[in-house]
Amino acid sequence: MNKNVGNIDRILRIAVGAVLISLVFVGPQTPWGWIGLVPLATALIGFCPAYTLLGLNSAKSKEA
């Protein structure tokens, strides 16, 4: 499992994940906010299965 998520992509995923998870507690308080765990997990692991299926890679060659 090679890393395919670059640093900028990771930062954006953490931000989006945190915002979505915060929707569970504030705002509309919808359970759909738990979807934010997906970008948060892929950012922390550094691997995105969807990127593999689509043939994408935002990581630099030395990060992989």
C-alpha atoms as a PDB file:
ATOM      1  CA  MET A   1       0.000   0.000   0.000  1.00  0.00           C
ATOM      2  CA  ASN A   2       1.995   2.965  -1.305  1.00  0.00           C
ATOM      3  CA  LYS A   3       1.128   6.481  -0.271  1.00  0.00           C
ATOM      4  CA  ASN A   4      -0.825   8.275  -2.964  1.00  0.00           C
ATOM      5  CA  VAL A   5      -2.009  11.355  -1.029  1.00  0.00           C
ATOM      6  CA  GLY A   6       0.336  14.358  -1.009  1.00  0.00           C
ATOM      7  CA  ASN A   7       0.872  16.892   1.773  1.00  0.00           C
ATOM      8  CA  ILE A   8      -1.448  19.603   0.455  1.00  0.00           C
ATOM      9  CA  ASP A   9      -4.106  17.001  -0.276  1.00  0.00           C
ATOM     10  CA  ARG A  10      -3.737  15.664   3.272  1.00  0.00           C
ATOM     11  CA  ILE A  11      -4.194  19.110   4.800  1.00  0.00           C
ATOM     12  CA  LEU A  12      -7.325  19.707   2.729  1.00  0.00           C
ATOM     13  CA  ARG A  13      -8.730  16.286   3.650  1.00  0.00           C
ATOM     14  CA  ILE A  14      -8.157  16.945   7.367  1.00  0.00           C
ATOM     15  CA  ALA A  15      -9.913  20.307   7.100  1.00  0.00           C
ATOM     16  CA  VAL A  16     -12.876  18.899   5.166  1.00  0.00           C
ATOM     17  CA  GLY A  17     -13.135  15.925   7.517  1.00  0.00           C
ATOM     18  CA  ALA A  18     -13.097  18.153  10.591  1.00  0.00           C
ATOM     19  CA  VAL A  19     -15.795  20.422   9.151  1.00  0.00           C
ATOM     20  CA  LEU A  20     -18.033  17.484   8.251  1.00  0.00           C
ATOM     21  CA  ILE A  21     -17.605  15.865  11.662  1.00  0.00           C
ATOM     22  CA  SER A  22     -18.388  19.179  13.354  1.00  0.00           C
ATOM     23  CA  LEU A  23     -21.776  19.136  11.583  1.00  0.00           C
ATOM     24  CA  VAL A  24     -22.732  16.214  13.816  1.00  0.00           C
ATOM     25  CA  PHE A  25     -22.435  18.412  16.901  1.00  0.00           C
ATOM     26  CA  VAL A  26     -23.260  21.939  15.670  1.00  0.00           C
ATOM     27  CA  GLY A  27     -25.276  23.334  12.823  1.00  0.00           C
ATOM     28  CA  PRO A  28     -27.855  20.999  11.318  1.00  0.00           C
ATOM     29  CA  GLN A  29     -26.755  18.149  13.639  1.00  0.00           C
ATOM     30  CA  THR A  30     -27.179  15.525  10.969  1.00  0.00           C
ATOM     31  CA  PRO A  31     -25.616  12.063  11.170  1.00  0.00           C
ATOM     32  CA  TRP A  32     -24.352  12.528   7.611  1.00  0.00           C
ATOM     33  CA  GLY A  33     -21.449  14.441   9.150  1.00  0.00           C
ATOM     34  CA  TRP A  34     -19.858  11.128  10.106  1.00  0.00           C
ATOM     35  CA  ILE A  35     -18.888  10.800   6.445  1.00  0.00           C
ATOM     36  CA  GLY A  36     -16.099  13.182   7.456  1.00  0.00           C
ATOM     37  CA  LEU A  37     -14.292  10.189   8.936  1.00  0.00           C
ATOM     38  CA  VAL A  38     -13.449   9.002   5.420  1.00  0.00           C
ATOM     39  CA  PRO A  39     -11.321  11.995   4.326  1.00  0.00           C
ATOM     40  CA  LEU A  40      -9.852  12.216   7.820  1.00  0.00           C
ATOM     41  CA  ALA A  41      -8.798   8.553   7.780  1.00  0.00           C
ATOM     42  CA  THR A  42      -7.369   8.728   4.262  1.00  0.00           C
ATOM     43  CA  ALA A  43      -5.382  11.819   5.239  1.00  0.00           C
ATOM     44  CA  LEU A  44      -3.938  10.168   8.339  1.00  0.00           C
ATOM     45  CA  ILE A  45      -3.087   6.939   6.499  1.00  0.00           C
ATOM     46  CA  GLY A  46      -1.830   8.714   3.366  1.00  0.00           C
ATOM     47  CA  PHE A  47      -3.580   6.259   1.066  1.00  0.00           C
ATOM     48  CA  CYS A  48      -6.836   6.706  -0.832  1.00  0.00           C
ATOM     49  CA  PRO A  49      -8.396   3.624  -2.462  1.00  0.00           C
ATOM     50  CA  ALA A  50     -10.417   5.817  -4.840  1.00  0.00           C
ATOM     51  CA  TYR A  51      -7.192   7.374  -6.148  1.00  0.00           C
ATOM     52  CA  THR A  52      -5.922   3.884  -6.964  1.00  0.00           C
ATOM     53  CA  LEU A  53      -9.071   3.035  -8.904  1.00  0.00           C
ATOM     54  CA  LEU A  54      -8.905   6.328 -10.815  1.00  0.00           C
ATOM     55  CA  GLY A  55      -5.148   6.163 -11.385  1.00  0.00           C
ATOM     56  CA  LEU A  56      -4.463   9.385  -9.487  1.00  0.00           C
ATOM     57  CA  ASN A  57      -1.512  10.193  -7.264  1.00  0.00           C
ATOM     58  CA  SER A  58      -0.990  13.542  -5.527  1.00  0.00           C
ATOM     59  CA  ALA A  59       2.094  12.376  -3.612  1.00  0.00           C
ATOM     60  CA  LYS A  60       5.544  13.272  -4.792  1.00  0.00           C
ATOM     61  CA  SER A  61       7.715  10.361  -5.855  1.00  0.00           C
ATOM     62  CA  LYS A  62       9.877  10.592  -2.700  1.00  0.00           C
ATOM     63  CA  GLU A  63       6.732  10.406  -0.481  1.00  0.00           C
ATOM     64  CA  ALA A  64       5.479   7.204  -2.109  1.00  0.00           C
END
